[in-house]
Amino acid sequence: TRQTVSNKGSAGVDGMTVSELKEYLQTHQVTLFTKIVNEKYRPQAIL
């Protein structure tokens, strides 16, 4: 997370910026990781 924020970069297809990443993880981290472990995770398209 620290590396991603420090790299900056523009938003992807969902419009989320790096400044919003930490807040997103606080809310959705558990759900996101559960999907990954259960092999139900699907990545979004690349811009």
All heavy atoms as atom14 arrays in JSON, in Angstrom:
{
  "sequence": "TRQTVSNKGSAGVDGMTVSELKEYLQTHQVTLFTKIVNEKYRPQAIL",
  "atom14_mask": [
    [1, 1, 1, 1, 1, 1, 1, 0, 0, 0, 0, 0, 0, 0],
    [1, 1, 1, 1, 1, 1, 1, 1, 1, 1, 1, 0, 0, 0],
    [1, 1, 1, 1, 1, 1, 1, 1, 1, 0, 0, 0, 0, 0],
    [1, 1, 1, 1, 1, 1, 1, 0, 0, 0, 0, 0, 0, 0],
    [1, 1, 1, 1, 1, 1, 1, 0, 0, 0, 0, 0, 0, 0],
    [1, 1, 1, 1, 1, 1, 0, 0, 0, 0, 0, 0, 0, 0],
    [1, 1, 1, 1, 1, 1, 1, 1, 0, 0, 0, 0, 0, 0],
    [1, 1, 1, 1, 1, 1, 1, 1, 1, 0, 0, 0, 0, 0],
    [1, 1, 1, 1, 0, 0, 0, 0, 0, 0, 0, 0, 0, 0],
    [1, 1, 1, 1, 1, 1, 0, 0, 0, 0, 0, 0, 0, 0],
    [1, 1, 1, 1, 1, 0, 0, 0, 0, 0, 0, 0, 0, 0],
    [1, 1, 1, 1, 0, 0, 0, 0, 0, 0, 0, 0, 0, 0],
    [1, 1, 1, 1, 1, 1, 1, 0, 0, 0, 0, 0, 0, 0],
    [1, 1, 1, 1, 1, 1, 1, 1, 0, 0, 0, 0, 0, 0],
    [1, 1, 1, 1, 0, 0, 0, 0, 0, 0, 0, 0, 0, 0],
    [1, 1, 1, 1, 1, 1, 1, 1, 0, 0, 0, 0, 0, 0],
    [1, 1, 1, 1, 1, 1, 1, 0, 0, 0, 0, 0, 0, 0],
    [1, 1, 1, 1, 1, 1, 1, 0, 0, 0, 0, 0, 0, 0],
    [1, 1, 1, 1, 1, 1, 0, 0, 0, 0, 0, 0, 0, 0],
    [1, 1, 1, 1, 1, 1, 1, 1, 1, 0, 0, 0, 0, 0],
    [1, 1, 1, 1, 1, 1, 1, 1, 0, 0, 0, 0, 0, 0],
    [1, 1, 1, 1, 1, 1, 1, 1, 1, 0, 0, 0, 0, 0],
    [1, 1, 1, 1, 1, 1, 1, 1, 1, 0, 0, 0, 0, 0],
    [1, 1, 1, 1, 1, 1, 1, 1, 1, 1, 1, 1, 0, 0],
    [1, 1, 1, 1, 1, 1, 1, 1, 0, 0, 0, 0, 0, 0],
    [1, 1, 1, 1, 1, 1, 1, 1, 1, 0, 0, 0, 0, 0],
    [1, 1, 1, 1, 1, 1, 1, 0, 0, 0, 0, 0, 0, 0],
    [1, 1, 1, 1, 1, 1, 1, 1, 1, 1, 0, 0, 0, 0],
    [1, 1, 1, 1, 1, 1, 1, 1, 1, 0, 0, 0, 0, 0],
    [1, 1, 1, 1, 1, 1, 1, 0, 0, 0, 0, 0, 0, 0],
    [1, 1, 1, 1, 1, 1, 1, 0, 0, 0, 0, 0, 0, 0],
    [1, 1, 1, 1, 1, 1, 1, 1, 0, 0, 0, 0, 0, 0],
    [1, 1, 1, 1, 1, 1, 1, 1, 1, 1, 1, 0, 0, 0],
    [1, 1, 1, 1, 1, 1, 1, 0, 0, 0, 0, 0, 0, 0],
    [1, 1, 1, 1, 1, 1, 1, 1, 1, 0, 0, 0, 0, 0],
    [1, 1, 1, 1, 1, 1, 1, 1, 0, 0, 0, 0, 0, 0],
    [1, 1, 1, 1, 1, 1, 1, 0, 0, 0, 0, 0, 0, 0],
    [1, 1, 1, 1, 1, 1, 1, 1, 0, 0, 0, 0, 0, 0],
    [1, 1, 1, 1, 1, 1, 1, 1, 1, 0, 0, 0, 0, 0],
    [1, 1, 1, 1, 1, 1, 1, 1, 1, 0, 0, 0, 0, 0],
    [1, 1, 1, 1, 1, 1, 1, 1, 1, 1, 1, 1, 0, 0],
    [1, 1, 1, 1, 1, 1, 1, 1, 1, 1, 1, 0, 0, 0],
    [1, 1, 1, 1, 1, 1, 1, 0, 0, 0, 0, 0, 0, 0],
    [1, 1, 1, 1, 1, 1, 1, 1, 1, 0, 0, 0, 0, 0],
    [1, 1, 1, 1, 1, 0, 0, 0, 0, 0, 0, 0, 0, 0],
    [1, 1, 1, 1, 1, 1, 1, 1, 0, 0, 0, 0, 0, 0],
    [1, 1, 1, 1, 1, 1, 1, 1, 0, 0, 0, 0, 0, 0]
  ],
  "atom14_positions": [
    [[0.83, -1.2, 0.0], [0.0, 0.0, 0.0], [0.87, 1.26, 0.0], [0.62, 2.2, -0.76], [-0.94, 0.0, 1.22], [-1.76, -1.18, 1.19], [-1.85, 1.22, 1.19], [0.0, 0.0, 0.0], [0.0, 0.0, 0.0], [0.0, 0.0, 0.0], [0.0, 0.0, 0.0], [0.0, 0.0, 0.0], [0.0, 0.0, 0.0], [0.0, 0.0, 0.0]],
    [[1.88, 1.27, 0.86], [2.79, 2.42, 0.92], [3.47, 2.64, -0.42], [3.59, 3.77, -0.9], [3.84, 2.21, 2.02], [3.32, 2.41, 3.43], [4.47, 2.57, 4.4], [5.37, 1.42, 4.38], [5.24, 0.34, 5.16], [4.23, 0.26, 6.02], [6.11, -0.66, 5.09], [0.0, 0.0, 0.0], [0.0, 0.0, 0.0], [0.0, 0.0, 0.0]],
    [[3.91, 1.55, -1.05], [4.59, 1.65, -2.34], [3.66, 2.16, -3.42], [4.04, 3.0, -4.24], [5.15, 0.27, -2.74], [6.04, 0.29, -3.99], [7.28, 1.11, -3.81], [7.99, 0.96, -2.82], [7.57, 2.01, -4.73], [0.0, 0.0, 0.0], [0.0, 0.0, 0.0], [0.0, 0.0, 0.0], [0.0, 0.0, 0.0], [0.0, 0.0, 0.0]],
    [[2.43, 1.68, -3.42], [1.44, 2.11, -4.42], [1.13, 3.59, -4.27], [1.04, 4.32, -5.27], [0.15, 1.27, -4.28], [0.46, -0.12, -4.41], [-0.86, 1.67, -5.36], [0.0, 0.0, 0.0], [0.0, 0.0, 0.0], [0.0, 0.0, 0.0], [0.0, 0.0, 0.0], [0.0, 0.0, 0.0], [0.0, 0.0, 0.0], [0.0, 0.0, 0.0]],
    [[0.98, 4.04, -3.04], [0.69, 5.46, -2.8], [1.88, 6.33, -3.2], [1.71, 7.39, -3.82], [0.31, 5.68, -1.31], [0.2, 7.19, -1.01], [-1.0, 4.98, -0.98], [0.0, 0.0, 0.0], [0.0, 0.0, 0.0], [0.0, 0.0, 0.0], [0.0, 0.0, 0.0], [0.0, 0.0, 0.0], [0.0, 0.0, 0.0], [0.0, 0.0, 0.0]],
    [[3.09, 5.88, -2.87], [4.29, 6.66, -3.2], [4.54, 6.72, -4.71], [5.09, 7.7, -5.21], [5.52, 6.09, -2.48], [5.86, 4.81, -2.99], [0.0, 0.0, 0.0], [0.0, 0.0, 0.0], [0.0, 0.0, 0.0], [0.0, 0.0, 0.0], [0.0, 0.0, 0.0], [0.0, 0.0, 0.0], [0.0, 0.0, 0.0], [0.0, 0.0, 0.0]],
    [[4.13, 5.67, -5.42], [4.28, 5.65, -6.88], [3.31, 6.61, -7.58], [3.49, 6.93, -8.75], [4.05, 4.24, -7.44], [5.18, 3.3, -7.11], [6.28, 3.71, -6.75], [4.93, 2.0, -7.22], [0.0, 0.0, 0.0], [0.0, 0.0, 0.0], [0.0, 0.0, 0.0], [0.0, 0.0, 0.0], [0.0, 0.0, 0.0], [0.0, 0.0, 0.0]],
    [[2.28, 7.0, -6.85], [1.23, 7.88, -7.37], [0.58, 7.23, -8.58], [0.1, 6.14, -8.51], [1.8, 9.27, -7.66], [2.36, 9.97, -6.43], [2.93, 11.33, -6.75], [3.49, 11.96, -5.48], [4.08, 13.3, -5.73], [0.0, 0.0, 0.0], [0.0, 0.0, 0.0], [0.0, 0.0, 0.0], [0.0, 0.0, 0.0], [0.0, 0.0, 0.0]],
    [[0.58, 7.91, -9.71], [-0.08, 7.34, -10.89], [-1.54, 7.74, -10.96], [-2.17, 8.12, -9.96], [0.0, 0.0, 0.0], [0.0, 0.0, 0.0], [0.0, 0.0, 0.0], [0.0, 0.0, 0.0], [0.0, 0.0, 0.0], [0.0, 0.0, 0.0], [0.0, 0.0, 0.0], [0.0, 0.0, 0.0], [0.0, 0.0, 0.0], [0.0, 0.0, 0.0]],
    [[-2.09, 7.61, -12.16], [-3.48, 8.03, -12.39], [-4.46, 6.92, -12.01], [-4.08, 5.78, -11.76], [-3.67, 8.43, -13.85], [-3.32, 7.37, -14.72], [0.0, 0.0, 0.0], [0.0, 0.0, 0.0], [0.0, 0.0, 0.0], [0.0, 0.0, 0.0], [0.0, 0.0, 0.0], [0.0, 0.0, 0.0], [0.0, 0.0, 0.0], [0.0, 0.0, 0.0]],
    [[-5.74, 7.3, -11.98], [-6.79, 6.34, -11.64], [-7.05, 5.37, -12.78], [-6.76, 5.66, -13.94], [-8.07, 7.1, -11.29], [0.0, 0.0, 0.0], [0.0, 0.0, 0.0], [0.0, 0.0, 0.0], [0.0, 0.0, 0.0], [0.0, 0.0, 0.0], [0.0, 0.0, 0.0], [0.0, 0.0, 0.0], [0.0, 0.0, 0.0], [0.0, 0.0, 0.0]],
    [[-7.58, 4.19, -12.45], [-7.95, 3.21, -13.45], [-9.37, 3.4, -13.93], [-9.94, 4.5, -13.84], [0.0, 0.0, 0.0], [0.0, 0.0, 0.0], [0.0, 0.0, 0.0], [0.0, 0.0, 0.0], [0.0, 0.0, 0.0], [0.0, 0.0, 0.0], [0.0, 0.0, 0.0], [0.0, 0.0, 0.0], [0.0, 0.0, 0.0], [0.0, 0.0, 0.0]],
    [[-9.99, 2.33, -14.4], [-11.35, 2.43, -14.96], [-12.4, 2.79, -13.91], [-13.46, 3.32, -14.23], [-11.74, 1.1, -15.65], [-10.9, 0.86, -16.89], [-11.65, -0.08, -14.69], [0.0, 0.0, 0.0], [0.0, 0.0, 0.0], [0.0, 0.0, 0.0], [0.0, 0.0, 0.0], [0.0, 0.0, 0.0], [0.0, 0.0, 0.0], [0.0, 0.0, 0.0]],
    [[-12.12, 2.5, -12.63], [-13.1, 2.8, -11.57], [-13.0, 4.23, -11.05], [-13.84, 4.66, -10.25], [-12.96, 1.82, -10.41], [-11.59, 1.87, -9.74], [-10.69, 2.58, -10.26], [-11.41, 1.2, -8.7], [0.0, 0.0, 0.0], [0.0, 0.0, 0.0], [0.0, 0.0, 0.0], [0.0, 0.0, 0.0], [0.0, 0.0, 0.0], [0.0, 0.0, 0.0]],
    [[-11.99, 4.97, -11.48], [-11.84, 6.36, -11.06], [-11.24, 6.57, -9.69], [-11.05, 7.71, -9.24], [0.0, 0.0, 0.0], [0.0, 0.0, 0.0], [0.0, 0.0, 0.0], [0.0, 0.0, 0.0], [0.0, 0.0, 0.0], [0.0, 0.0, 0.0], [0.0, 0.0, 0.0], [0.0, 0.0, 0.0], [0.0, 0.0, 0.0], [0.0, 0.0, 0.0]],
    [[-10.88, 5.5, -8.96], [-10.31, 5.64, -7.63], [-8.87, 6.15, -7.71], [-8.07, 5.65, -8.51], [-10.33, 4.3, -6.89], [-9.83, 4.39, -5.44], [-9.6, 2.78, -4.63], [-11.27, 2.17, -4.64], [0.0, 0.0, 0.0], [0.0, 0.0, 0.0], [0.0, 0.0, 0.0], [0.0, 0.0, 0.0], [0.0, 0.0, 0.0], [0.0, 0.0, 0.0]],
    [[-8.53, 7.13, -6.88], [-7.18, 7.67, -6.82], [-6.39, 7.0, -5.7], [-6.97, 6.36, -4.81], [-7.2, 9.19, -6.59], [-7.81, 9.45, -5.31], [-8.0, 9.89, -7.68], [0.0, 0.0, 0.0], [0.0, 0.0, 0.0], [0.0, 0.0, 0.0], [0.0, 0.0, 0.0], [0.0, 0.0, 0.0], [0.0, 0.0, 0.0], [0.0, 0.0, 0.0]],
    [[-5.06, 7.17, -5.71], [-4.23, 6.54, -4.69], [-4.52, 7.09, -3.29], [-4.35, 6.39, -2.29], [-2.72, 6.7, -5.02], [-2.33, 5.88, -6.23], [-2.35, 8.17, -5.23], [0.0, 0.0, 0.0], [0.0, 0.0, 0.0], [0.0, 0.0, 0.0], [0.0, 0.0, 0.0], [0.0, 0.0, 0.0], [0.0, 0.0, 0.0], [0.0, 0.0, 0.0]],
    [[-4.99, 8.32, -3.22], [-5.3, 8.92, -1.92], [-6.52, 8.27, -1.26], [-6.71, 8.37, -0.06], [-5.55, 10.43, -2.08], [-6.63, 10.68, -2.96], [0.0, 0.0, 0.0], [0.0, 0.0, 0.0], [0.0, 0.0, 0.0], [0.0, 0.0, 0.0], [0.0, 0.0, 0.0], [0.0, 0.0, 0.0], [0.0, 0.0, 0.0], [0.0, 0.0, 0.0]],
    [[-7.32, 7.58, -2.05], [-8.52, 6.91, -1.54], [-8.28, 5.45, -1.17], [-9.16, 4.78, -0.64], [-9.64, 6.99, -2.57], [-10.07, 8.4, -2.95], [-11.04, 8.43, -4.12], [-10.64, 8.05, -5.24], [-12.19, 8.82, -3.91], [0.0, 0.0, 0.0], [0.0, 0.0, 0.0], [0.0, 0.0, 0.0], [0.0, 0.0, 0.0], [0.0, 0.0, 0.0]],
    [[-7.08, 4.94, -1.45], [-6.81, 3.52, -1.29], [-6.93, 3.06, 0.16], [-7.59, 2.05, 0.46], [-5.42, 3.18, -1.84], [-4.97, 1.71, -1.67], [-5.92, 0.76, -2.36], [-3.54, 1.54, -2.2], [0.0, 0.0, 0.0], [0.0, 0.0, 0.0], [0.0, 0.0, 0.0], [0.0, 0.0, 0.0], [0.0, 0.0, 0.0], [0.0, 0.0, 0.0]],
    [[-6.28, 3.76, 1.08], [-6.28, 3.34, 2.49], [-7.7, 3.29, 3.06], [-8.06, 2.36, 3.78], [-5.4, 4.28, 3.3], [-3.91, 4.13, 2.98], [-3.06, 5.05, 3.85], [-1.57, 4.89, 3.51], [-0.72, 5.8, 4.32], [0.0, 0.0, 0.0], [0.0, 0.0, 0.0], [0.0, 0.0, 0.0], [0.0, 0.0, 0.0], [0.0, 0.0, 0.0]],
    [[-8.48, 4.3, 2.74], [-9.88, 4.33, 3.22], [-10.67, 3.16, 2.65], [-11.47, 2.54, 3.35], [-10.52, 5.66, 2.81], [-11.92, 5.85, 3.39], [-12.54, 7.16, 2.98], [-11.81, 8.05, 2.49], [-13.78, 7.3, 3.12], [0.0, 0.0, 0.0], [0.0, 0.0, 0.0], [0.0, 0.0, 0.0], [0.0, 0.0, 0.0], [0.0, 0.0, 0.0]],
    [[-10.44, 2.84, 1.37], [-11.13, 1.71, 0.73], [-10.79, 0.39, 1.44], [-11.66, -0.44, 1.7], [-10.75, 1.63, -0.75], [-11.32, 0.42, -1.45], [-12.59, 0.45, -2.01], [-10.58, -0.76, -1.54], [-13.11, -0.68, -2.65], [-11.09, -1.88, -2.17], [-12.36, -1.84, -2.72], [-12.88, -2.95, -3.35], [0.0, 0.0, 0.0], [0.0, 0.0, 0.0]],
    [[-9.49, 0.21, 1.74], [-9.06, -1.03, 2.38], [-9.64, -1.18, 3.77], [-9.96, -2.29, 4.22], [-7.54, -1.1, 2.43], [-6.83, -1.32, 1.08], [-5.32, -1.23, 1.25], [-7.22, -2.66, 0.47], [0.0, 0.0, 0.0], [0.0, 0.0, 0.0], [0.0, 0.0, 0.0], [0.0, 0.0, 0.0], [0.0, 0.0, 0.0], [0.0, 0.0, 0.0]],
    [[-9.78, -0.09, 4.5], [-10.37, -0.15, 5.84], [-11.78, -0.72, 5.81], [-12.2, -1.43, 6.73], [-10.38, 1.25, 6.47], [-9.0, 1.75, 6.88], [-9.02, 3.19, 7.37], [-10.06, 3.85, 7.35], [-7.88, 3.71, 7.8], [0.0, 0.0, 0.0], [0.0, 0.0, 0.0], [0.0, 0.0, 0.0], [0.0, 0.0, 0.0], [0.0, 0.0, 0.0]],
    [[-12.51, -0.44, 4.74], [-13.9, -0.86, 4.62], [-14.05, -2.22, 3.93], [-14.88, -3.04, 4.32], [-14.71, 0.2, 3.85], [-14.49, 1.49, 4.43], [-16.19, -0.13, 3.88], [0.0, 0.0, 0.0], [0.0, 0.0, 0.0], [0.0, 0.0, 0.0], [0.0, 0.0, 0.0], [0.0, 0.0, 0.0], [0.0, 0.0, 0.0], [0.0, 0.0, 0.0]],
    [[-13.24, -2.48, 2.9], [-13.46, -3.62, 2.02], [-12.37, -4.68, 2.06], [-12.46, -5.68, 1.32], [-13.61, -3.14, 0.56], [-14.75, -2.19, 0.35], [-14.62, -0.83, 0.45], [-16.07, -2.43, 0.05], [-15.8, -0.25, 0.21], [-16.69, -1.19, -0.02], [0.0, 0.0, 0.0], [0.0, 0.0, 0.0], [0.0, 0.0, 0.0], [0.0, 0.0, 0.0]],
    [[-11.35, -4.51, 2.87], [-10.23, -5.44, 2.86], [-10.63, -6.89, 3.12], [-10.22, -7.8, 2.4], [-9.15, -5.0, 3.86], [-7.9, -5.9, 3.84], [-6.77, -5.31, 4.68], [-6.4, -4.17, 4.49], [-6.22, -6.09, 5.58], [0.0, 0.0, 0.0], [0.0, 0.0, 0.0], [0.0, 0.0, 0.0], [0.0, 0.0, 0.0], [0.0, 0.0, 0.0]],
    [[-11.43, -7.11, 4.15], [-11.82, -8.48, 4.52], [-12.58, -9.15, 3.38], [-12.3, -10.31, 3.02], [-12.67, -8.46, 5.81], [-13.18, -9.87, 6.12], [-11.86, -7.93, 6.98], [0.0, 0.0, 0.0], [0.0, 0.0, 0.0], [0.0, 0.0, 0.0], [0.0, 0.0, 0.0], [0.0, 0.0, 0.0], [0.0, 0.0, 0.0], [0.0, 0.0, 0.0]],
    [[-13.55, -8.43, 2.8], [-14.33, -8.98, 1.69], [-13.45, -9.29, 0.49], [-13.57, -10.34, -0.15], [-15.43, -7.97, 1.27], [-16.21, -7.62, 2.41], [-16.32, -8.58, 0.2], [0.0, 0.0, 0.0], [0.0, 0.0, 0.0], [0.0, 0.0, 0.0], [0.0, 0.0, 0.0], [0.0, 0.0, 0.0], [0.0, 0.0, 0.0], [0.0, 0.0, 0.0]],
    [[-12.55, -8.36, 0.18], [-11.64, -8.52, -0.95], [-10.76, -9.75, -0.79], [-10.64, -10.58, -1.71], [-10.77, -7.27, -1.1], [-9.71, -7.26, -2.21], [-10.36, -7.3, -3.59], [-8.79, -6.04, -2.08], [0.0, 0.0, 0.0], [0.0, 0.0, 0.0], [0.0, 0.0, 0.0], [0.0, 0.0, 0.0], [0.0, 0.0, 0.0], [0.0, 0.0, 0.0]],
    [[-10.16, -9.91, 0.38], [-9.25, -11.03, 0.63], [-9.99, -12.36, 0.67], [-9.46, -13.39, 0.24], [-8.47, -10.81, 1.92], [-7.46, -9.69, 1.85], [-7.29, -8.96, 0.69], [-6.67, -9.37, 2.95], [-6.36, -7.92, 0.63], [-5.74, -8.35, 2.89], [-5.6, -7.61, 1.73], [0.0, 0.0, 0.0], [0.0, 0.0, 0.0], [0.0, 0.0, 0.0]],
    [[-11.2, -12.35, 1.17], [-12.02, -13.58, 1.19], [-12.3, -14.06, -0.23], [-12.21, -15.26, -0.53], [-13.34, -13.33, 1.94], [-13.06, -12.87, 3.27], [-14.15, -14.61, 2.01], [0.0, 0.0, 0.0], [0.0, 0.0, 0.0], [0.0, 0.0, 0.0], [0.0, 0.0, 0.0], [0.0, 0.0, 0.0], [0.0, 0.0, 0.0], [0.0, 0.0, 0.0]],
    [[-12.64, -13.13, -1.1], [-12.88, -13.48, -2.51], [-11.63, -14.08, -3.15], [-11.71, -15.03, -3.92], [-13.32, -12.24, -3.29], [-14.76, -11.84, -3.06], [-15.12, -10.66, -3.96], [-16.59, -10.25, -3.79], [-16.93, -9.1, -4.66], [0.0, 0.0, 0.0], [0.0, 0.0, 0.0], [0.0, 0.0, 0.0], [0.0, 0.0, 0.0], [0.0, 0.0, 0.0]],
    [[-10.47, -13.49, -2.84], [-9.21, -13.98, -3.42], [-8.93, -15.4, -2.96], [-8.62, -16.28, -3.78], [-8.04, -13.04, -3.05], [-8.2, -11.69, -3.76], [-6.7, -13.67, -3.42], [-7.21, -10.63, -3.31], [0.0, 0.0, 0.0], [0.0, 0.0, 0.0], [0.0, 0.0, 0.0], [0.0, 0.0, 0.0], [0.0, 0.0, 0.0], [0.0, 0.0, 0.0]],
    [[-9.02, -15.66, -1.67], [-8.72, -16.98, -1.11], [-9.7, -18.03, -1.63], [-9.31, -19.17, -1.92], [-8.74, -16.92, 0.43], [-8.63, -18.32, 1.03], [-7.61, -16.03, 0.95], [0.0, 0.0, 0.0], [0.0, 0.0, 0.0], [0.0, 0.0, 0.0], [0.0, 0.0, 0.0], [0.0, 0.0, 0.0], [0.0, 0.0, 0.0], [0.0, 0.0, 0.0]],
    [[-10.97, -17.66, -1.79], [-12.0, -18.59, -2.27], [-12.05, -18.67, -3.8], [-12.95, -19.3, -4.37], [-13.37, -18.19, -1.73], [-13.47, -18.33, -0.23], [-12.79, -19.16, 0.37], [-14.31, -17.53, 0.41], [0.0, 0.0, 0.0], [0.0, 0.0, 0.0], [0.0, 0.0, 0.0], [0.0, 0.0, 0.0], [0.0, 0.0, 0.0], [0.0, 0.0, 0.0]],
    [[-11.1, -17.99, -4.46], [-10.99, -18.01, -5.92], [-12.24, -17.48, -6.62], [-12.64, -17.95, -7.69], [-10.63, -19.4, -6.43], [-9.3, -19.93, -5.9], [-8.84, -21.21, -6.53], [-9.42, -21.59, -7.58], [-7.92, -21.86, -6.01], [0.0, 0.0, 0.0], [0.0, 0.0, 0.0], [0.0, 0.0, 0.0], [0.0, 0.0, 0.0], [0.0, 0.0, 0.0]],
    [[-12.87, -16.48, -6.01], [-14.04, -15.84, -6.61], [-13.73, -14.41, -7.08], [-14.59, -13.73, -7.62], [-15.19, -15.8, -5.61], [-15.74, -17.19, -5.27], [-16.91, -17.1, -4.31], [-17.46, -18.5, -3.99], [-18.61, -18.42, -3.03], [0.0, 0.0, 0.0], [0.0, 0.0, 0.0], [0.0, 0.0, 0.0], [0.0, 0.0, 0.0], [0.0, 0.0, 0.0]],
    [[-12.5, -14.02, -6.92], [-12.09, -12.66, -7.27], [-11.92, -12.53, -8.79], [-11.36, -13.4, -9.45], [-10.79, -12.32, -6.55], [-10.17, -11.0, -6.97], [-10.69, -9.79, -6.52], [-9.09, -10.98, -7.84], [-10.13, -8.59, -6.9], [-8.52, -9.79, -8.23], [-9.04, -8.6, -7.76], [-8.49, -7.42, -8.16], [0.0, 0.0, 0.0], [0.0, 0.0, 0.0]],
    [[-12.4, -11.42, -9.35], [-12.24, -11.11, -10.76], [-11.69, -9.68, -10.89], [-12.31, -8.75, -10.38], [-13.57, -11.22, -11.52], [-14.11, -12.63, -11.66], [-13.34, -13.44, -12.67], [-13.93, -14.76, -12.89], [-13.73, -15.81, -12.14], [-12.96, -15.7, -11.06], [-14.29, -16.97, -12.42], [0.0, 0.0, 0.0], [0.0, 0.0, 0.0], [0.0, 0.0, 0.0]],
    [[-10.57, -9.53, -11.55], [-10.02, -8.17, -11.7], [-10.83, -7.32, -12.66], [-11.49, -7.85, -13.57], [-8.61, -8.43, -12.26], [-8.71, -9.73, -12.97], [-9.73, -10.54, -12.21], [0.0, 0.0, 0.0], [0.0, 0.0, 0.0], [0.0, 0.0, 0.0], [0.0, 0.0, 0.0], [0.0, 0.0, 0.0], [0.0, 0.0, 0.0], [0.0, 0.0, 0.0]],
    [[-10.76, -6.02, -12.47], [-11.41, -5.09, -13.39], [-10.55, -4.9, -14.64], [-9.38, -5.28, -14.68], [-11.64, -3.75, -12.7], [-12.61, -3.82, -11.52], [-12.99, -2.46, -11.01], [-13.63, -1.67, -11.69], [-12.61, -2.17, -9.78], [0.0, 0.0, 0.0], [0.0, 0.0, 0.0], [0.0, 0.0, 0.0], [0.0, 0.0, 0.0], [0.0, 0.0, 0.0]],
    [[-11.17, -4.32, -15.64], [-10.45, -4.07, -16.89], [-9.31, -3.07, -16.67], [-9.32, -2.28, -15.73], [-11.42, -3.54, -17.95], [0.0, 0.0, 0.0], [0.0, 0.0, 0.0], [0.0, 0.0, 0.0], [0.0, 0.0, 0.0], [0.0, 0.0, 0.0], [0.0, 0.0, 0.0], [0.0, 0.0, 0.0], [0.0, 0.0, 0.0], [0.0, 0.0, 0.0]],
    [[-8.34, -3.13, -17.56], [-7.21, -2.2, -17.53], [-7.53, -1.0, -18.42], [-8.09, -1.16, -19.51], [-5.93, -2.9, -18.05], [-5.58, -4.08, -17.15], [-4.76, -1.94, -18.12], [-4.54, -5.0, -17.74], [0.0, 0.0, 0.0], [0.0, 0.0, 0.0], [0.0, 0.0, 0.0], [0.0, 0.0, 0.0], [0.0, 0.0, 0.0], [0.0, 0.0, 0.0]],
    [[-7.19, 0.18, -17.96], [-7.4, 1.39, -18.74], [-6.23, 1.58, -19.71], [-5.08, 1.69, -19.29], [-7.54, 2.6, -17.83], [-7.76, 3.96, -18.52], [-9.09, 3.97, -19.27], [-7.72, 5.09, -17.49], [0.0, 0.0, 0.0], [0.0, 0.0, 0.0], [0.0, 0.0, 0.0], [0.0, 0.0, 0.0], [0.0, 0.0, 0.0], [0.0, 0.0, 0.0]]
  ]
}
